[in-house]
Amino acid sequence: MLFLKEKKHIALQIACGDIIDTDLAEDKFVITTDDAYIEKILTAPENTKIIEDALAWQGITCKLVVNRKLKTSELQKQDIEKLKSLGLEIKVEKGEKK
């Protein structure tokens, strides 16, 4: 984060500030997010290079890997579409929140 701040990569610094699921394994720094926007920012080639440079600045030489896990609502939508593709009639009703 300090590297990003010093180099004035403010948008990337803000995006990285929301990341909580990371892993450093072998020669890979793995970030997992459920945010499509964060994934898009991190996987832009110029941003991937900046993050790898920031890690190298800390003495960590590795490749950045960004994984996206789907949100519950996205998984539900996929399930509904799959059921519809099987010819089932699906009606979704929103209930009251408890």
N, C-alpha and C. Protein backbone atom coordinates (compact mmCIF):
# COMPACT_ATOMS: atom_id res chain seq x y z
N MET A 1 0.82 -1.18 0.00
CA MET A 1 0.00 0.00 0.00
C MET A 1 0.87 1.25 0.00
N LEU A 2 1.95 1.22 0.76
CA LEU A 2 2.85 2.37 0.82
C LEU A 2 3.46 2.65 -0.55
N PHE A 3 3.85 1.59 -1.25
CA PHE A 3 4.42 1.74 -2.60
C PHE A 3 3.41 2.43 -3.51
N LEU A 4 2.15 1.98 -3.46
CA LEU A 4 1.11 2.55 -4.32
C LEU A 4 0.88 4.02 -3.98
N LYS A 5 0.93 4.33 -2.69
CA LYS A 5 0.74 5.72 -2.26
C LYS A 5 1.91 6.59 -2.72
N GLU A 6 3.12 6.09 -2.53
CA GLU A 6 4.31 6.86 -2.92
C GLU A 6 4.37 7.10 -4.42
N LYS A 7 3.93 6.12 -5.19
CA LYS A 7 3.98 6.23 -6.66
C LYS A 7 2.72 6.88 -7.23
N LYS A 8 1.83 7.30 -6.33
CA LYS A 8 0.60 8.02 -6.69
C LYS A 8 -0.35 7.20 -7.57
N HIS A 9 -0.48 5.91 -7.24
CA HIS A 9 -1.46 5.03 -7.89
C HIS A 9 -2.67 4.97 -6.96
N ILE A 10 -3.35 6.10 -6.82
CA ILE A 10 -4.39 6.26 -5.82
C ILE A 10 -5.58 5.33 -6.07
N ALA A 11 -6.06 5.25 -7.32
CA ALA A 11 -7.21 4.38 -7.60
C ALA A 11 -6.88 2.92 -7.27
N LEU A 12 -5.69 2.51 -7.61
CA LEU A 12 -5.27 1.14 -7.33
C LEU A 12 -5.09 0.95 -5.82
N GLN A 13 -4.60 1.95 -5.14
CA GLN A 13 -4.46 1.88 -3.68
C GLN A 13 -5.82 1.72 -3.02
N ILE A 14 -6.81 2.47 -3.49
CA ILE A 14 -8.16 2.37 -2.93
C ILE A 14 -8.74 0.99 -3.21
N ALA A 15 -8.57 0.49 -4.44
CA ALA A 15 -9.08 -0.84 -4.79
C ALA A 15 -8.43 -1.91 -3.91
N CYS A 16 -7.15 -1.80 -3.68
CA CYS A 16 -6.45 -2.79 -2.87
C CYS A 16 -6.84 -2.69 -1.39
N GLY A 17 -7.32 -1.54 -0.98
CA GLY A 17 -7.72 -1.35 0.40
C GLY A 17 -8.91 -2.21 0.80
N ASP A 18 -9.71 -2.65 -0.18
CA ASP A 18 -10.88 -3.47 0.09
C ASP A 18 -10.59 -4.97 0.03
N ILE A 19 -9.36 -5.33 -0.25
CA ILE A 19 -9.00 -6.74 -0.40
C ILE A 19 -8.69 -7.34 0.97
N ILE A 20 -9.34 -8.46 1.26
CA ILE A 20 -9.09 -9.12 2.55
C ILE A 20 -8.69 -10.59 2.39
N ASP A 21 -8.90 -11.15 1.20
CA ASP A 21 -8.62 -12.58 0.99
C ASP A 21 -7.40 -12.72 0.07
N THR A 22 -6.24 -12.95 0.68
CA THR A 22 -5.00 -13.10 -0.09
C THR A 22 -4.24 -14.34 0.37
N ASP A 23 -3.36 -14.80 -0.50
CA ASP A 23 -2.53 -15.94 -0.16
C ASP A 23 -1.23 -15.83 -0.95
N LEU A 24 -0.13 -16.11 -0.30
CA LEU A 24 1.16 -16.13 -0.97
C LEU A 24 1.63 -17.57 -0.95
N ALA A 25 1.64 -18.18 -2.13
CA ALA A 25 2.02 -19.59 -2.23
C ALA A 25 2.96 -19.77 -3.42
N GLU A 26 4.07 -20.43 -3.15
CA GLU A 26 5.09 -20.67 -4.17
C GLU A 26 5.48 -19.36 -4.81
N ASP A 27 5.25 -19.20 -6.10
CA ASP A 27 5.64 -17.97 -6.78
C ASP A 27 4.41 -17.15 -7.19
N LYS A 28 3.32 -17.28 -6.43
CA LYS A 28 2.08 -16.58 -6.78
C LYS A 28 1.52 -15.84 -5.57
N PHE A 29 1.07 -14.61 -5.83
CA PHE A 29 0.33 -13.84 -4.84
C PHE A 29 -1.12 -13.88 -5.32
N VAL A 30 -1.96 -14.59 -4.58
CA VAL A 30 -3.34 -14.84 -5.01
C VAL A 30 -4.28 -13.92 -4.25
N ILE A 31 -5.08 -13.19 -5.00
CA ILE A 31 -6.13 -12.34 -4.43
C ILE A 31 -7.46 -12.92 -4.86
N THR A 32 -8.35 -13.14 -3.91
CA THR A 32 -9.69 -13.63 -4.20
C THR A 32 -10.68 -12.54 -3.80
N THR A 33 -11.57 -12.22 -4.72
CA THR A 33 -12.57 -11.18 -4.47
C THR A 33 -13.91 -11.60 -5.07
N ASP A 34 -14.98 -11.06 -4.51
CA ASP A 34 -16.29 -11.30 -5.09
C ASP A 34 -16.79 -10.05 -5.81
N ASP A 35 -15.93 -9.08 -5.96
CA ASP A 35 -16.28 -7.81 -6.59
C ASP A 35 -15.75 -7.77 -8.02
N ALA A 36 -16.67 -7.74 -8.99
CA ALA A 36 -16.28 -7.74 -10.41
C ALA A 36 -15.46 -6.50 -10.76
N TYR A 37 -15.79 -5.37 -10.15
CA TYR A 37 -15.06 -4.13 -10.44
C TYR A 37 -13.61 -4.22 -9.96
N ILE A 38 -13.43 -4.74 -8.75
CA ILE A 38 -12.07 -4.91 -8.21
C ILE A 38 -11.29 -5.88 -9.10
N GLU A 39 -11.93 -6.97 -9.51
CA GLU A 39 -11.27 -7.93 -10.39
C GLU A 39 -10.82 -7.24 -11.69
N LYS A 40 -11.69 -6.44 -12.26
CA LYS A 40 -11.37 -5.75 -13.52
C LYS A 40 -10.17 -4.82 -13.34
N ILE A 41 -10.15 -4.08 -12.24
CA ILE A 41 -9.04 -3.16 -11.98
C ILE A 41 -7.73 -3.93 -11.81
N LEU A 42 -7.77 -4.98 -11.00
CA LEU A 42 -6.54 -5.71 -10.69
C LEU A 42 -5.99 -6.49 -11.88
N THR A 43 -6.84 -6.93 -12.78
CA THR A 43 -6.38 -7.75 -13.90
C THR A 43 -6.00 -6.93 -15.13
N ALA A 44 -6.19 -5.61 -15.07
CA ALA A 44 -5.70 -4.77 -16.16
C ALA A 44 -4.18 -4.92 -16.20
N PRO A 45 -3.62 -5.22 -17.38
CA PRO A 45 -2.18 -5.52 -17.45
C PRO A 45 -1.27 -4.48 -16.78
N GLU A 46 -1.58 -3.20 -16.94
CA GLU A 46 -0.72 -2.18 -16.33
C GLU A 46 -0.82 -2.22 -14.81
N ASN A 47 -1.99 -2.55 -14.27
CA ASN A 47 -2.16 -2.63 -12.82
C ASN A 47 -1.52 -3.89 -12.25
N THR A 48 -1.61 -4.98 -12.99
CA THR A 48 -0.95 -6.22 -12.56
C THR A 48 0.55 -5.98 -12.41
N LYS A 49 1.12 -5.27 -13.37
CA LYS A 49 2.56 -4.96 -13.33
C LYS A 49 2.88 -4.08 -12.13
N ILE A 50 2.04 -3.09 -11.86
CA ILE A 50 2.28 -2.19 -10.73
C ILE A 50 2.24 -2.98 -9.41
N ILE A 51 1.29 -3.87 -9.27
CA ILE A 51 1.19 -4.66 -8.03
C ILE A 51 2.39 -5.59 -7.88
N GLU A 52 2.80 -6.21 -8.99
CA GLU A 52 3.98 -7.08 -8.94
C GLU A 52 5.22 -6.26 -8.58
N ASP A 53 5.31 -5.03 -9.09
CA ASP A 53 6.43 -4.14 -8.74
C ASP A 53 6.38 -3.77 -7.25
N ALA A 54 5.18 -3.54 -6.73
CA ALA A 54 5.02 -3.21 -5.31
C ALA A 54 5.47 -4.39 -4.44
N LEU A 55 5.13 -5.59 -4.85
CA LEU A 55 5.56 -6.78 -4.11
C LEU A 55 7.08 -6.93 -4.19
N ALA A 56 7.65 -6.70 -5.37
CA ALA A 56 9.11 -6.79 -5.54
C ALA A 56 9.81 -5.75 -4.67
N TRP A 57 9.20 -4.58 -4.52
CA TRP A 57 9.73 -3.51 -3.66
C TRP A 57 9.86 -4.01 -2.22
N GLN A 58 9.00 -4.96 -1.84
CA GLN A 58 9.03 -5.55 -0.51
C GLN A 58 9.90 -6.82 -0.48
N GLY A 59 10.53 -7.14 -1.61
CA GLY A 59 11.39 -8.32 -1.67
C GLY A 59 10.66 -9.60 -2.01
N ILE A 60 9.43 -9.47 -2.52
CA ILE A 60 8.62 -10.64 -2.87
C ILE A 60 8.51 -10.70 -4.39
N THR A 61 9.17 -11.68 -4.99
CA THR A 61 9.10 -11.84 -6.43
C THR A 61 8.09 -12.93 -6.75
N CYS A 62 6.99 -12.52 -7.36
CA CYS A 62 5.95 -13.49 -7.69
C CYS A 62 5.00 -12.91 -8.74
N LYS A 63 4.14 -13.75 -9.23
CA LYS A 63 3.12 -13.36 -10.19
C LYS A 63 1.81 -13.12 -9.45
N LEU A 64 1.05 -12.16 -9.93
CA LEU A 64 -0.25 -11.87 -9.36
C LEU A 64 -1.31 -12.75 -10.01
N VAL A 65 -2.13 -13.36 -9.19
CA VAL A 65 -3.27 -14.16 -9.66
C VAL A 65 -4.51 -13.61 -8.98
N VAL A 66 -5.53 -13.28 -9.77
CA VAL A 66 -6.77 -12.76 -9.21
C VAL A 66 -7.88 -13.77 -9.50
N ASN A 67 -8.50 -14.25 -8.45
CA ASN A 67 -9.62 -15.18 -8.58
C ASN A 67 -10.89 -14.46 -8.16
N ARG A 68 -11.96 -14.73 -8.87
CA ARG A 68 -13.24 -14.12 -8.50
C ARG A 68 -14.21 -15.21 -8.09
N LYS A 69 -14.73 -15.07 -6.88
CA LYS A 69 -15.79 -15.97 -6.45
C LYS A 69 -17.10 -15.22 -6.63
N LEU A 70 -18.12 -15.96 -7.01
CA LEU A 70 -19.41 -15.33 -7.27
C LEU A 70 -20.14 -15.03 -5.97
N LYS A 71 -20.88 -13.93 -5.98
CA LYS A 71 -21.72 -13.58 -4.84
C LYS A 71 -22.92 -14.51 -4.82
N THR A 72 -23.57 -14.62 -3.67
CA THR A 72 -24.73 -15.49 -3.52
C THR A 72 -25.80 -15.16 -4.56
N SER A 73 -26.05 -13.89 -4.79
CA SER A 73 -27.08 -13.50 -5.77
C SER A 73 -26.71 -13.96 -7.17
N GLU A 74 -25.43 -13.93 -7.51
CA GLU A 74 -24.98 -14.39 -8.83
C GLU A 74 -25.14 -15.91 -8.95
N LEU A 75 -24.82 -16.62 -7.88
CA LEU A 75 -24.98 -18.07 -7.89
C LEU A 75 -26.46 -18.45 -8.02
N GLN A 76 -27.32 -17.71 -7.33
CA GLN A 76 -28.76 -17.97 -7.42
C GLN A 76 -29.25 -17.73 -8.84
N LYS A 77 -28.80 -16.65 -9.46
CA LYS A 77 -29.20 -16.33 -10.83
C LYS A 77 -28.75 -17.44 -11.78
N GLN A 78 -27.53 -17.94 -11.59
CA GLN A 78 -27.03 -19.05 -12.43
C GLN A 78 -27.91 -20.28 -12.26
N ASP A 79 -28.27 -20.59 -11.02
CA ASP A 79 -29.12 -21.76 -10.76
C ASP A 79 -30.48 -21.61 -11.43
N ILE A 80 -31.06 -20.44 -11.34
CA ILE A 80 -32.37 -20.20 -11.96
C ILE A 80 -32.28 -20.35 -13.47
N GLU A 81 -31.23 -19.78 -14.07
CA GLU A 81 -31.06 -19.89 -15.52
C GLU A 81 -30.86 -21.35 -15.95
N LYS A 82 -30.14 -22.11 -15.14
CA LYS A 82 -29.92 -23.52 -15.47
C LYS A 82 -31.24 -24.29 -15.41
N LEU A 83 -32.04 -24.03 -14.40
CA LEU A 83 -33.35 -24.68 -14.30
C LEU A 83 -34.25 -24.30 -15.47
N LYS A 84 -34.21 -23.04 -15.87
CA LYS A 84 -35.00 -22.58 -17.02
C LYS A 84 -34.53 -23.27 -18.29
N SER A 85 -33.22 -23.47 -18.42
CA SER A 85 -32.69 -24.12 -19.62
C SER A 85 -33.10 -25.59 -19.69
N LEU A 86 -33.48 -26.16 -18.56
CA LEU A 86 -33.96 -27.54 -18.53
C LEU A 86 -35.46 -27.61 -18.83
N GLY A 87 -36.04 -26.46 -19.13
CA GLY A 87 -37.45 -26.43 -19.49
C GLY A 87 -38.40 -26.23 -18.33
N LEU A 88 -37.87 -25.96 -17.18
CA LEU A 88 -38.72 -25.75 -16.01
C LEU A 88 -39.20 -24.30 -15.97
N GLU A 89 -40.44 -24.12 -15.57
CA GLU A 89 -40.95 -22.77 -15.41
C GLU A 89 -40.62 -22.32 -13.99
N ILE A 90 -39.91 -21.24 -13.90
CA ILE A 90 -39.45 -20.75 -12.61
C ILE A 90 -40.07 -19.38 -12.37
N LYS A 91 -40.68 -19.24 -11.22
CA LYS A 91 -41.23 -17.96 -10.81
C LYS A 91 -40.52 -17.55 -9.51
N VAL A 92 -39.91 -16.40 -9.55
CA VAL A 92 -39.18 -15.93 -8.38
C VAL A 92 -39.99 -14.85 -7.70
N GLU A 93 -40.26 -15.07 -6.44
CA GLU A 93 -41.00 -14.10 -5.65
C GLU A 93 -40.11 -13.63 -4.52
N LYS A 94 -40.15 -12.36 -4.29
CA LYS A 94 -39.35 -11.81 -3.19
C LYS A 94 -40.20 -11.79 -1.95
N GLY A 95 -39.66 -12.38 -0.90
CA GLY A 95 -40.35 -12.42 0.38
C GLY A 95 -39.90 -11.25 1.25
N GLU A 96 -40.50 -11.17 2.39
CA GLU A 96 -40.13 -10.12 3.33
C GLU A 96 -38.80 -10.47 3.99
N LYS A 97 -38.00 -9.46 4.21
CA LYS A 97 -36.74 -9.66 4.92
C LYS A 97 -37.04 -9.74 6.39
N LYS A 98 -36.36 -10.65 7.05
CA LYS A 98 -36.56 -10.83 8.50
C LYS A 98 -35.41 -10.23 9.26
